[in-house]
């Protein structure tokens, strides 16, 4: 159920209201004149390629050796 707050409640408790919007999906704020506003969290937009790295404890020299080895094998397959 979407929570409905008065303008005064929303102003006094903005941080809690935003947390509630994240938890519930949205909150509504009603003004004295009866108009109602909806606050929703914006969807997080990230790339599916944004993944955490894995620490393999490799040195620069290790990486360069792997690249050189791959190139050696790549040349022999042609």
N, C-alpha and C. Protein backbone atom coordinates (compact mmCIF):
# COMPACT_ATOMS: atom_id res chain seq x y z
N UNK A 1 0.85 -1.18 0.00
CA UNK A 1 0.00 0.00 0.00
C UNK A 1 0.89 1.24 0.00
N UNK A 2 0.55 2.18 -0.82
CA UNK A 2 1.32 3.41 -0.92
C UNK A 2 0.99 4.33 0.25
N UNK A 3 2.02 4.82 0.90
CA UNK A 3 1.83 5.73 2.02
C UNK A 3 1.47 7.11 1.51
N UNK A 4 0.62 7.81 2.24
CA UNK A 4 0.25 9.19 1.88
C UNK A 4 0.63 10.08 3.05
N UNK A 5 1.41 11.11 2.76
CA UNK A 5 1.88 12.05 3.76
C UNK A 5 1.35 13.43 3.46
N UNK A 6 1.19 14.23 4.50
CA UNK A 6 0.87 15.64 4.26
C UNK A 6 2.14 16.34 3.85
N UNK A 7 1.98 17.51 3.27
CA UNK A 7 3.13 18.29 2.84
C UNK A 7 4.04 18.58 4.03
N UNK A 8 3.46 18.93 5.16
CA UNK A 8 4.24 19.25 6.36
C UNK A 8 5.01 18.04 6.84
N UNK A 9 4.37 16.86 6.87
CA UNK A 9 5.05 15.64 7.29
C UNK A 9 6.21 15.32 6.34
N UNK A 10 5.97 15.49 5.07
CA UNK A 10 7.01 15.21 4.08
C UNK A 10 8.19 16.14 4.25
N UNK A 11 7.91 17.41 4.46
CA UNK A 11 8.98 18.40 4.63
C UNK A 11 9.81 18.10 5.87
N UNK A 12 9.17 17.70 6.95
CA UNK A 12 9.86 17.47 8.21
C UNK A 12 10.62 16.14 8.23
N UNK A 13 10.20 15.21 7.42
CA UNK A 13 10.79 13.86 7.45
C UNK A 13 11.22 13.40 6.07
N UNK A 14 11.86 14.27 5.32
CA UNK A 14 12.19 13.96 3.93
C UNK A 14 13.06 12.71 3.80
N UNK A 15 14.09 12.57 4.61
CA UNK A 15 14.98 11.41 4.50
C UNK A 15 14.21 10.11 4.73
N UNK A 16 13.36 10.08 5.74
CA UNK A 16 12.56 8.88 6.02
C UNK A 16 11.57 8.61 4.88
N UNK A 17 11.01 9.67 4.34
CA UNK A 17 10.07 9.55 3.24
C UNK A 17 10.75 8.94 2.01
N UNK A 18 11.96 9.38 1.71
CA UNK A 18 12.70 8.83 0.58
C UNK A 18 13.05 7.37 0.80
N UNK A 19 13.43 7.01 2.03
CA UNK A 19 13.70 5.61 2.36
C UNK A 19 12.44 4.76 2.17
N UNK A 20 11.31 5.31 2.58
CA UNK A 20 10.04 4.60 2.44
C UNK A 20 9.70 4.41 0.95
N UNK A 21 10.00 5.42 0.13
CA UNK A 21 9.75 5.31 -1.31
C UNK A 21 10.60 4.19 -1.91
N UNK A 22 11.84 4.05 -1.45
CA UNK A 22 12.70 2.97 -1.94
C UNK A 22 12.12 1.62 -1.51
N UNK A 23 11.70 1.53 -0.26
CA UNK A 23 11.20 0.26 0.27
C UNK A 23 9.86 -0.13 -0.35
N UNK A 24 8.96 0.84 -0.52
CA UNK A 24 7.59 0.54 -0.97
C UNK A 24 7.37 0.79 -2.46
N UNK A 25 8.31 1.44 -3.11
CA UNK A 25 8.13 1.72 -4.53
C UNK A 25 7.68 3.13 -4.82
N UNK A 26 6.91 3.72 -3.90
CA UNK A 26 6.46 5.10 -4.06
C UNK A 26 5.81 5.59 -2.78
N UNK A 27 5.74 6.89 -2.64
CA UNK A 27 4.96 7.54 -1.57
C UNK A 27 4.19 8.68 -2.21
N UNK A 28 3.12 9.08 -1.56
CA UNK A 28 2.29 10.18 -2.06
C UNK A 28 2.28 11.31 -1.04
N UNK A 29 2.30 12.51 -1.56
CA UNK A 29 2.26 13.71 -0.72
C UNK A 29 1.02 14.50 -1.11
N UNK A 30 0.19 14.83 -0.13
CA UNK A 30 -1.05 15.57 -0.37
C UNK A 30 -0.92 16.98 0.19
N UNK A 31 -1.22 17.95 -0.65
CA UNK A 31 -1.22 19.35 -0.22
C UNK A 31 -2.57 19.71 0.36
N UNK A 32 -2.62 20.84 1.02
CA UNK A 32 -3.89 21.30 1.62
C UNK A 32 -4.99 21.48 0.59
N UNK A 33 -4.59 21.87 -0.63
CA UNK A 33 -5.61 22.09 -1.66
C UNK A 33 -6.10 20.76 -2.27
N UNK A 34 -5.58 19.64 -1.79
CA UNK A 34 -6.04 18.33 -2.23
C UNK A 34 -5.21 17.71 -3.34
N UNK A 35 -4.31 18.48 -3.94
CA UNK A 35 -3.49 17.91 -4.99
C UNK A 35 -2.52 16.89 -4.39
N UNK A 36 -2.28 15.83 -5.15
CA UNK A 36 -1.44 14.73 -4.68
C UNK A 36 -0.27 14.56 -5.64
N UNK A 37 0.91 14.33 -5.07
CA UNK A 37 2.13 14.11 -5.84
C UNK A 37 2.70 12.76 -5.45
N UNK A 38 3.28 12.09 -6.43
CA UNK A 38 3.87 10.77 -6.21
C UNK A 38 5.39 10.90 -6.31
N UNK A 39 6.07 10.33 -5.34
CA UNK A 39 7.54 10.28 -5.38
C UNK A 39 7.93 8.81 -5.51
N UNK A 40 8.69 8.53 -6.58
CA UNK A 40 9.20 7.18 -6.84
C UNK A 40 10.70 7.25 -7.01
N UNK A 41 11.41 6.23 -6.57
CA UNK A 41 12.85 6.20 -6.84
C UNK A 41 13.09 5.99 -8.33
N UNK A 42 14.08 6.64 -8.85
CA UNK A 42 14.44 6.46 -10.24
C UNK A 42 15.13 5.11 -10.40
N UNK A 43 14.77 4.37 -11.44
CA UNK A 43 15.42 3.06 -11.62
C UNK A 43 16.92 3.24 -11.82
N UNK A 44 17.65 2.33 -11.23
CA UNK A 44 19.10 2.36 -11.38
C UNK A 44 19.44 1.90 -12.79
N UNK A 45 20.12 2.77 -13.50
CA UNK A 45 20.49 2.38 -14.86
C UNK A 45 21.99 2.17 -14.91
N UNK A 46 22.35 0.96 -15.11
CA UNK A 46 23.76 0.61 -15.21
C UNK A 46 23.95 -0.34 -16.37
N UNK A 47 25.13 -0.44 -16.78
CA UNK A 47 25.45 -1.34 -17.88
C UNK A 47 25.52 -2.77 -17.36
N UNK A 48 25.01 -3.73 -18.13
CA UNK A 48 25.18 -5.11 -17.71
C UNK A 48 26.64 -5.53 -17.70
N UNK A 49 27.49 -4.70 -18.29
CA UNK A 49 28.92 -4.99 -18.28
C UNK A 49 29.62 -4.45 -17.04
N UNK A 50 28.88 -3.70 -16.20
CA UNK A 50 29.45 -3.20 -14.96
C UNK A 50 29.48 -4.33 -13.94
N UNK A 51 30.58 -5.04 -13.89
CA UNK A 51 30.73 -6.14 -12.96
C UNK A 51 31.97 -5.89 -12.10
N UNK A 52 31.94 -6.44 -10.92
CA UNK A 52 33.09 -6.29 -10.04
C UNK A 52 34.26 -7.09 -10.58
N UNK A 53 35.43 -6.54 -10.40
CA UNK A 53 36.63 -7.24 -10.82
C UNK A 53 37.00 -8.35 -9.86
N UNK A 54 37.84 -9.24 -10.32
CA UNK A 54 38.32 -10.34 -9.50
C UNK A 54 39.82 -10.17 -9.34
N UNK A 55 40.27 -10.15 -8.10
CA UNK A 55 41.69 -9.99 -7.83
C UNK A 55 42.38 -11.34 -8.00
N UNK A 56 43.16 -11.46 -9.07
CA UNK A 56 43.86 -12.71 -9.36
C UNK A 56 45.30 -12.69 -8.87
N UNK A 57 45.69 -11.59 -8.27
CA UNK A 57 47.03 -11.44 -7.73
C UNK A 57 48.08 -11.70 -8.82
N UNK A 58 47.86 -11.10 -9.99
CA UNK A 58 48.80 -11.23 -11.10
C UNK A 58 49.63 -9.96 -11.22
N UNK A 59 50.87 -10.14 -11.58
CA UNK A 59 51.73 -8.99 -11.80
C UNK A 59 51.62 -8.55 -13.26
N UNK A 60 52.17 -7.41 -13.55
CA UNK A 60 52.20 -6.91 -14.92
C UNK A 60 52.92 -7.89 -15.82
N UNK A 61 54.00 -8.44 -15.32
CA UNK A 61 54.79 -9.39 -16.11
C UNK A 61 53.98 -10.66 -16.40
N UNK A 62 53.19 -11.13 -15.43
CA UNK A 62 52.34 -12.30 -15.65
C UNK A 62 51.37 -12.04 -16.80
N UNK A 63 50.73 -10.89 -16.78
CA UNK A 63 49.75 -10.55 -17.82
C UNK A 63 50.44 -10.48 -19.18
N UNK A 64 51.59 -9.83 -19.24
CA UNK A 64 52.31 -9.72 -20.51
C UNK A 64 52.74 -11.10 -21.02
N UNK A 65 53.13 -11.98 -20.13
CA UNK A 65 53.51 -13.34 -20.54
C UNK A 65 52.30 -14.10 -21.09
N UNK A 66 51.13 -13.96 -20.46
CA UNK A 66 49.92 -14.60 -20.98
C UNK A 66 49.58 -14.09 -22.38
N UNK A 67 49.71 -12.80 -22.57
CA UNK A 67 49.43 -12.21 -23.89
C UNK A 67 50.41 -12.75 -24.92
N UNK A 68 51.70 -12.77 -24.58
CA UNK A 68 52.71 -13.27 -25.51
C UNK A 68 52.47 -14.74 -25.84
N UNK A 69 52.10 -15.52 -24.83
CA UNK A 69 51.83 -16.94 -25.04
C UNK A 69 50.63 -17.12 -25.97
N UNK A 70 49.60 -16.33 -25.76
CA UNK A 70 48.42 -16.40 -26.62
C UNK A 70 48.75 -16.05 -28.05
N UNK A 71 49.63 -15.09 -28.23
CA UNK A 71 50.02 -14.71 -29.59
C UNK A 71 50.85 -15.81 -30.25
N UNK A 72 51.69 -16.49 -29.47
CA UNK A 72 52.48 -17.58 -30.02
C UNK A 72 51.57 -18.69 -30.53
N UNK A 73 50.57 -19.09 -29.72
CA UNK A 73 49.64 -20.13 -30.12
C UNK A 73 48.75 -19.67 -31.26
N UNK A 74 48.40 -18.40 -31.27
CA UNK A 74 47.56 -17.86 -32.35
C UNK A 74 48.26 -17.93 -33.68
N UNK A 75 49.58 -17.70 -33.70
CA UNK A 75 50.33 -17.75 -34.95
C UNK A 75 50.44 -19.16 -35.48
N UNK A 76 50.52 -20.17 -34.62
CA UNK A 76 50.72 -21.55 -35.07
C UNK A 76 49.45 -22.15 -35.65
N UNK A 77 48.30 -21.61 -35.37
CA UNK A 77 47.03 -22.16 -35.86
C UNK A 77 46.68 -21.68 -37.27
N UNK A 78 47.37 -20.70 -37.75
CA UNK A 78 47.02 -20.13 -39.05
C UNK A 78 47.51 -20.97 -40.18
